[in-house]
Protein backbone atom coordinates (compact mmCIF):
# COMPACT_ATOMS: atom_id res chain seq x y z
CA UNK A 1 20.86 9.35 -31.31
CA UNK A 2 17.71 10.87 -32.95
CA UNK A 3 17.08 7.92 -35.38
CA UNK A 4 17.46 5.42 -32.24
CA UNK A 5 15.04 7.51 -30.25
CA UNK A 6 12.25 8.11 -33.08
CA UNK A 7 12.42 4.37 -33.93
CA UNK A 8 12.03 3.01 -30.52
CA UNK A 9 8.90 5.84 -30.28
CA UNK A 10 7.45 3.68 -33.57
CA UNK A 11 8.17 0.11 -32.03
CA UNK A 12 6.71 1.15 -29.00
CA UNK A 13 3.18 2.63 -31.34
CA UNK A 14 3.18 -0.64 -32.71
CA UNK A 15 3.31 -2.60 -29.64
CA UNK A 16 0.42 -0.67 -28.71
CA UNK A 17 -1.79 -1.52 -31.90
CA UNK A 18 -1.11 -4.57 -31.47
CA UNK A 19 -2.26 -4.36 -27.67
CA UNK A 20 -5.26 -2.57 -29.06
CA UNK A 21 -6.36 -5.62 -31.76
CA UNK A 22 -5.53 -8.16 -29.25
CA UNK A 23 -7.51 -6.86 -26.16
CA UNK A 24 -10.71 -5.69 -28.67
CA UNK A 25 -11.36 -2.28 -26.52
CA UNK A 26 -11.98 -4.13 -23.07
CA UNK A 27 -9.47 -2.20 -21.17
CA UNK A 28 -10.06 0.21 -18.46
CA UNK A 29 -8.83 3.30 -20.07
CA UNK A 30 -9.45 5.46 -17.58
CA UNK A 31 -8.08 3.29 -14.82
CA UNK A 32 -4.43 2.80 -16.87
CA UNK A 33 -4.79 6.51 -17.29
CA UNK A 34 -5.18 7.28 -13.47
CA UNK A 35 -2.01 4.25 -12.98
CA UNK A 36 0.19 6.45 -15.16
CA UNK A 37 -0.51 9.67 -13.62
CA UNK A 38 0.14 8.05 -9.65
CA UNK A 39 3.50 6.86 -11.12
CA UNK A 40 4.50 10.25 -12.53
CA UNK A 41 3.07 12.01 -8.96
CA UNK A 42 5.30 8.85 -7.06
CA UNK A 43 8.25 9.72 -5.05
CA UNK A 44 10.84 7.43 -3.48
CA UNK A 45 10.50 9.42 -0.30
CA UNK A 46 9.45 6.29 1.67
CA UNK A 47 12.07 3.76 0.10
CA UNK A 48 14.00 3.09 3.04
CA UNK A 49 10.98 1.65 5.01
CA UNK A 50 11.15 -1.85 6.31
CA UNK A 51 7.84 -3.69 5.52
CA UNK A 52 6.86 -5.75 8.58
CA UNK A 53 5.76 -9.39 7.83
CA UNK A 54 2.10 -9.84 7.69
CA UNK A 55 1.85 -12.59 10.52
CA UNK A 56 2.61 -9.30 12.76
CA UNK A 57 -0.59 -7.56 11.86
CA UNK A 58 -3.48 -8.09 14.21
CA UNK A 59 -6.55 -6.26 14.14
CA UNK A 60 -7.37 -4.69 17.54
CA UNK A 61 -11.04 -5.44 18.87
CA UNK A 62 -13.52 -3.66 18.22
CA UNK A 63 -13.90 -2.13 22.33
CA UNK A 64 -10.48 -1.39 22.29
CA UNK A 65 -10.39 0.23 18.48
CA UNK A 66 -13.03 2.25 19.65
CA UNK A 67 -11.27 3.28 23.18
CA UNK A 68 -8.53 4.52 21.29
CA UNK A 69 -10.49 6.79 18.79
CA UNK A 70 -11.73 8.60 21.51
CA UNK A 71 -9.98 11.71 21.84
CA UNK A 72 -7.62 11.49 18.99
CA UNK A 73 -7.70 13.69 15.94
CA UNK A 74 -8.40 12.06 12.59
CA UNK A 75 -4.94 11.24 10.90
CA UNK A 76 -4.72 11.72 6.81
CA UNK A 77 -5.05 9.03 5.10
CA UNK A 78 -1.84 8.24 3.18
CA UNK A 79 -1.75 8.45 -0.83
CA UNK A 80 -2.60 5.27 -2.56
CA UNK A 81 0.76 3.28 -3.27
CA UNK A 82 2.31 3.98 -6.92
CA UNK A 83 1.69 0.51 -9.38
CA UNK A 84 4.69 -1.86 -9.65
CA UNK A 85 6.96 -1.64 -12.75
CA UNK A 86 4.86 -4.45 -14.04
CA UNK A 87 1.41 -3.16 -13.91
CA UNK A 88 3.03 0.06 -14.98
CA UNK A 89 3.97 -1.01 -17.87
CA UNK A 90 0.98 -2.79 -18.84
CA UNK A 91 -1.07 0.47 -18.00
CA UNK A 92 1.03 2.43 -20.55
CA UNK A 93 0.53 -0.23 -22.91
CA UNK A 94 -2.85 -0.31 -22.45
CA UNK A 95 -3.32 3.35 -22.43
CA UNK A 96 -1.52 3.72 -25.63
CA UNK A 97 -3.55 1.35 -27.55
CA UNK A 98 -6.88 2.71 -26.65
CA UNK A 99 -5.80 6.51 -27.53
CA UNK A 100 -3.37 6.12 -30.67
CA UNK A 101 -5.75 8.81 -32.72
CA UNK A 102 -6.39 11.03 -29.98
CA UNK A 103 -2.63 11.68 -28.88
CA UNK A 104 0.24 13.75 -30.54
CA UNK A 105 3.62 12.36 -31.01
CA UNK A 106 5.58 13.93 -28.32
CA UNK A 107 2.99 12.31 -25.76
CA UNK A 108 4.14 9.09 -27.44
CA UNK A 109 8.14 10.06 -26.99
CA UNK A 110 7.20 10.61 -23.46
CA UNK A 111 5.01 7.16 -22.99
CA UNK A 112 7.86 5.05 -24.85
CA UNK A 113 10.18 6.36 -22.83
CA UNK A 114 8.45 5.42 -19.17
CA UNK A 115 7.59 2.05 -21.25
CA UNK A 116 11.07 0.94 -21.84
CA UNK A 117 11.88 1.93 -18.58
CA UNK A 118 9.47 -0.14 -16.62
CA UNK A 119 10.03 -2.93 -18.75
CA UNK A 120 13.79 -2.41 -17.82
CA UNK A 121 13.38 -2.91 -14.32
CA UNK A 122 10.49 -5.65 -14.47
CA UNK A 123 13.64 -7.38 -16.08
CA UNK A 124 16.00 -6.11 -13.53
CA UNK A 125 13.84 -7.44 -10.45
CA UNK A 126 13.30 -10.78 -12.01
CA UNK A 127 17.01 -11.41 -12.36
CA UNK A 128 18.29 -10.03 -9.21
CA UNK A 129 15.40 -11.52 -7.40
CA UNK A 130 15.54 -15.02 -9.05
CA UNK A 131 15.74 -16.40 -5.49
CA UNK A 132 13.26 -14.44 -3.50
CA UNK A 133 13.17 -11.26 -1.82
CA UNK A 134 14.55 -12.42 1.49
CA UNK A 135 17.27 -10.57 2.80
CA UNK A 136 20.69 -12.29 1.91
CA UNK A 137 24.40 -11.45 2.61
CA UNK A 138 27.09 -13.31 1.27
CA UNK A 139 29.95 -14.97 3.43
CA UNK A 140 32.81 -12.26 1.84
CA UNK A 141 30.36 -9.43 2.52
CA UNK A 142 29.92 -10.71 6.21
CA UNK A 143 33.86 -11.11 6.95
CA UNK A 144 35.95 -9.25 9.77
CA UNK A 145 37.37 -6.12 9.32
CA UNK A 146 40.06 -4.41 10.71
CA UNK A 147 38.41 -0.62 10.74
CA UNK A 148 35.37 -0.72 12.92
CA UNK A 149 31.87 -0.43 10.84
CA UNK A 150 30.95 2.83 12.23
CA UNK A 151 34.39 4.56 11.17
CA UNK A 152 34.19 3.38 7.77
CA UNK A 153 30.73 4.72 7.38
CA UNK A 154 31.80 7.99 8.70
CA UNK A 155 34.61 7.96 5.80
CA UNK A 156 32.53 7.32 3.24
CA UNK A 157 30.61 10.39 4.29
CA UNK A 158 33.52 12.56 4.84
CA UNK A 159 34.44 11.84 1.30
CA UNK A 160 31.55 14.45 0.31
CA UNK A 161 32.71 17.61 2.36
CA UNK A 162 33.20 19.56 -0.63
CA UNK A 163 31.51 22.29 -2.96
CA UNK A 164 30.44 19.21 -5.23
CA UNK A 165 29.47 17.14 -2.66
CA UNK A 166 27.03 19.74 -1.20
CA UNK A 167 25.96 19.74 -4.92
CA UNK A 168 25.73 15.94 -5.17
CA UNK A 169 23.89 15.98 -1.49
CA UNK A 170 21.20 18.55 -2.53
CA UNK A 171 20.62 17.01 -5.92
CA UNK A 172 20.48 12.94 -4.75
CA UNK A 173 18.17 14.27 -1.66
CA UNK A 174 16.01 16.07 -4.11
CA UNK A 175 15.60 12.88 -6.23
CA UNK A 176 14.17 10.96 -3.23
CA UNK A 177 11.90 14.19 -2.17
CA UNK A 178 10.11 14.80 -5.81
CA UNK A 179 7.85 13.53 -7.92
CA UNK A 180 9.20 10.77 -10.95
CA UNK A 181 7.29 12.84 -13.48
CA UNK A 182 9.19 16.75 -12.52
CA UNK A 183 13.20 14.45 -12.00
CA UNK A 184 12.69 12.32 -14.93
CA UNK A 185 16.17 10.40 -15.64
CA UNK A 186 19.60 11.22 -16.35
CA UNK A 187 23.30 10.11 -17.05
CA UNK A 188 25.01 12.50 -14.41
CA UNK A 189 25.01 13.23 -10.61
CA UNK A 190 23.26 16.73 -10.61
CA UNK A 191 19.76 17.20 -11.58
CA UNK A 192 18.84 19.42 -15.24
CA UNK A 193 18.57 22.76 -15.42
CA UNK A 194 14.70 22.12 -16.14
CA UNK A 195 13.99 19.84 -13.41
CA UNK A 196 15.50 22.45 -11.20
CA UNK A 197 13.48 25.05 -12.29
CA UNK A 198 10.09 22.90 -12.00
CA UNK A 199 11.46 21.98 -8.64
CA UNK A 200 12.00 25.61 -7.24
CA UNK A 201 8.46 26.63 -8.51
CA UNK A 202 6.24 23.91 -7.28
CA UNK A 203 8.42 22.53 -4.60
CA UNK A 204 9.49 24.90 -2.53
CA UNK A 205 9.87 22.89 0.78
CA UNK A 206 10.95 20.38 -0.44
CA UNK A 207 13.96 22.81 -2.40
CA UNK A 208 14.59 24.67 1.43
CA UNK A 209 15.02 20.87 2.94
CA UNK A 210 17.47 19.81 0.37
CA UNK A 211 19.32 23.38 0.39
CA UNK A 212 19.63 23.07 4.22
CA UNK A 213 20.96 19.55 4.36
CA UNK A 214 23.52 20.85 1.60
CA UNK A 215 24.78 23.43 3.35
CA UNK A 216 25.09 21.21 6.65
CA UNK A 217 27.43 18.95 5.15
CA UNK A 218 27.51 15.15 4.40
CA UNK A 219 29.65 14.83 7.58
CA UNK A 220 27.22 16.91 9.74
CA UNK A 221 24.10 15.20 8.34
CA UNK A 222 25.60 11.84 9.07
CA UNK A 223 26.81 12.26 12.31
CA UNK A 224 24.22 14.26 13.71
CA UNK A 225 21.48 14.06 11.46
CA UNK A 226 18.08 12.33 12.46
CA UNK A 227 16.21 11.48 9.29
CA UNK A 228 17.01 8.36 8.04
CA UNK A 229 16.68 9.51 4.22
CA UNK A 230 18.81 12.43 4.71
CA UNK A 231 21.63 10.02 6.26
CA UNK A 232 21.09 7.54 3.50
CA UNK A 233 21.95 10.76 0.86
CA UNK A 234 25.02 11.89 2.49
CA UNK A 235 26.61 8.21 2.23
CA UNK A 236 25.04 8.52 -1.68
CA UNK A 237 26.99 11.44 -2.16
CA UNK A 238 30.17 10.43 -0.21
CA UNK A 239 30.17 6.97 -2.69
CA UNK A 240 29.56 9.54 -5.55
CA UNK A 241 32.33 11.41 -5.37
CA UNK A 242 34.33 8.28 -4.33
CA UNK A 243 33.40 6.73 -7.55
CA UNK A 244 32.52 9.40 -10.32
CA UNK A 245 36.03 9.89 -11.92
CA UNK A 246 37.80 11.08 -15.24
CA UNK A 247 37.81 13.54 -17.47
CA UNK A 248 37.09 17.36 -16.55
CA UNK A 249 34.69 18.14 -13.73
CA UNK A 250 33.49 14.44 -13.32
CA UNK A 251 30.27 15.25 -11.17
CA UNK A 252 29.02 17.08 -13.98
CA UNK A 253 29.82 15.28 -17.21
CA UNK A 254 30.97 11.94 -16.23
CA UNK A 255 27.95 9.51 -15.68
CA UNK A 256 27.19 8.75 -12.25
CA UNK A 257 28.95 6.53 -10.16
CA UNK A 258 30.75 5.43 -13.55
CA UNK A 259 27.01 3.52 -14.35
CA UNK A 260 28.08 1.26 -11.32
CA UNK A 261 24.77 2.41 -9.83
CA UNK A 262 21.54 1.89 -10.74
CA UNK A 263 18.81 4.19 -9.50
CA UNK A 264 15.42 5.33 -10.87
CA UNK A 265 16.58 8.44 -11.40
CA UNK A 266 20.13 7.35 -12.95
CA UNK A 267 20.00 6.39 -16.61
CA UNK A 268 23.86 5.57 -17.48
CA UNK A 269 26.34 3.26 -19.49
CA UNK A 270 26.99 0.26 -17.57
CA UNK A 271 30.43 -0.80 -16.63
CA UNK A 272 32.44 -3.69 -17.55
CA UNK A 273 31.93 -7.32 -16.41
CA UNK A 274 33.65 -8.26 -12.80
CA UNK A 275 32.62 -4.90 -11.19
CA UNK A 276 30.46 -4.79 -8.66
CA UNK A 277 27.11 -2.89 -8.70
CA UNK A 278 24.56 -1.75 -6.42
CA UNK A 279 21.11 -1.22 -7.71
CA UNK A 280 17.90 -0.36 -5.87
CA UNK A 281 14.32 -2.25 -6.46
CA UNK A 282 12.02 0.41 -5.76
CA UNK A 283 9.34 -2.31 -5.83
CA UNK A 284 10.59 -3.97 -3.12
CA UNK A 285 12.61 -1.26 -1.44
CA UNK A 286 15.34 -3.41 -2.08
CA UNK A 287 19.22 -3.00 -1.82
CA UNK A 288 21.07 -5.30 -4.35
CA UNK A 289 24.61 -5.70 -4.27
CA UNK A 290 25.81 -7.82 -7.07
CA UNK A 291 28.47 -8.56 -9.80
CA UNK A 292 28.26 -9.77 -13.76
CA UNK A 293 30.10 -12.41 -15.10
CA UNK A 294 31.55 -12.27 -18.95
CA UNK A 295 28.07 -14.30 -19.56
CA UNK A 296 26.37 -11.24 -18.27
CA UNK A 297 24.83 -13.54 -15.37
CA UNK A 298 24.18 -11.75 -12.44
CA UNK A 299 25.72 -13.25 -9.29
CA UNK A 300 24.24 -11.22 -6.50
CA UNK A 301 26.56 -10.67 -2.67
CA UNK A 302 24.22 -9.07 -0.61
CA UNK A 303 20.00 -8.45 -0.50
CA UNK A 304 19.00 -6.10 1.74
CA UNK A 305 16.05 -3.82 2.93
CA UNK A 306 16.10 -0.36 4.71
CA UNK A 307 18.72 2.15 6.12
CA UNK A 308 21.04 -0.39 7.51
CA UNK A 309 20.62 -2.54 4.52
CA UNK A 310 21.78 0.49 2.24
CA UNK A 311 25.14 1.16 4.86
CA UNK A 312 26.15 -3.00 4.37
CA UNK A 313 25.82 -2.66 0.66
CA UNK A 314 28.02 0.46 0.64
CA UNK A 315 30.91 -1.07 2.50
CA UNK A 316 30.90 -3.98 0.92
CA UNK A 317 30.43 -2.07 -2.64
CA UNK A 318 33.37 0.54 -1.68
């Protein structure tokens, strides 16, 4: 594994060298660096938001806008959006291409991981959204079920009612709340010790929120919670307990969801072909349920957004 790691870094440096020769020094290094830093600071906290169609956005007349501003406090401007996976991939490459002589190998290792991970995200998005980014549900997924929808969702959440489920709920929620530069990627369901330590030092509010949610439990959060992200994490924790099986202490030692769920903070071995998989395409804020056939061609079953979209995908996933 060490040799594979070193080889990947060398390939990345080679690609950066080629980029440096082909661009001729015209790239904006500072702009590329800012894109990389914004990506490290970005979180998935708003991934359940549904984008409003552009046609619905209407600019208020000047006089109306002035009236609305009277007596209102100025709102804090939202942080700039993180770059898409494609833009981030090129920014990482351009940044390293123009700083090859100034950066240590440890920095190259970190940026090589980001480059290959975002490249894979671009590939996944192109494959899974080959027919567009509109909502889609297969006929099989819309078939009637003898058990009511709400009862089935409650059953998923109740699966996380255990000490292990509380730990999974806490760490999945933290993975959505904290910056990606802190969370990194992991193979199993629980945060690494380094990520947990960094979170406790610099992000006490998020840690306290996740701890309180975990102590309440998946069932309570699902039935009485009001935050869509917390309720979504309760469902994901229940689904994780239901699917992560095998060996001793699977919650801590086995691949998260046995590789069947792709989230930006998981890096797992994929399952066999023909198994239903769920992926979050964070650029598009979309949940995609699909299968891969023996020829490695994906077949999309559901392509939905928002909290309700996640619920529908998880029902069909399980």
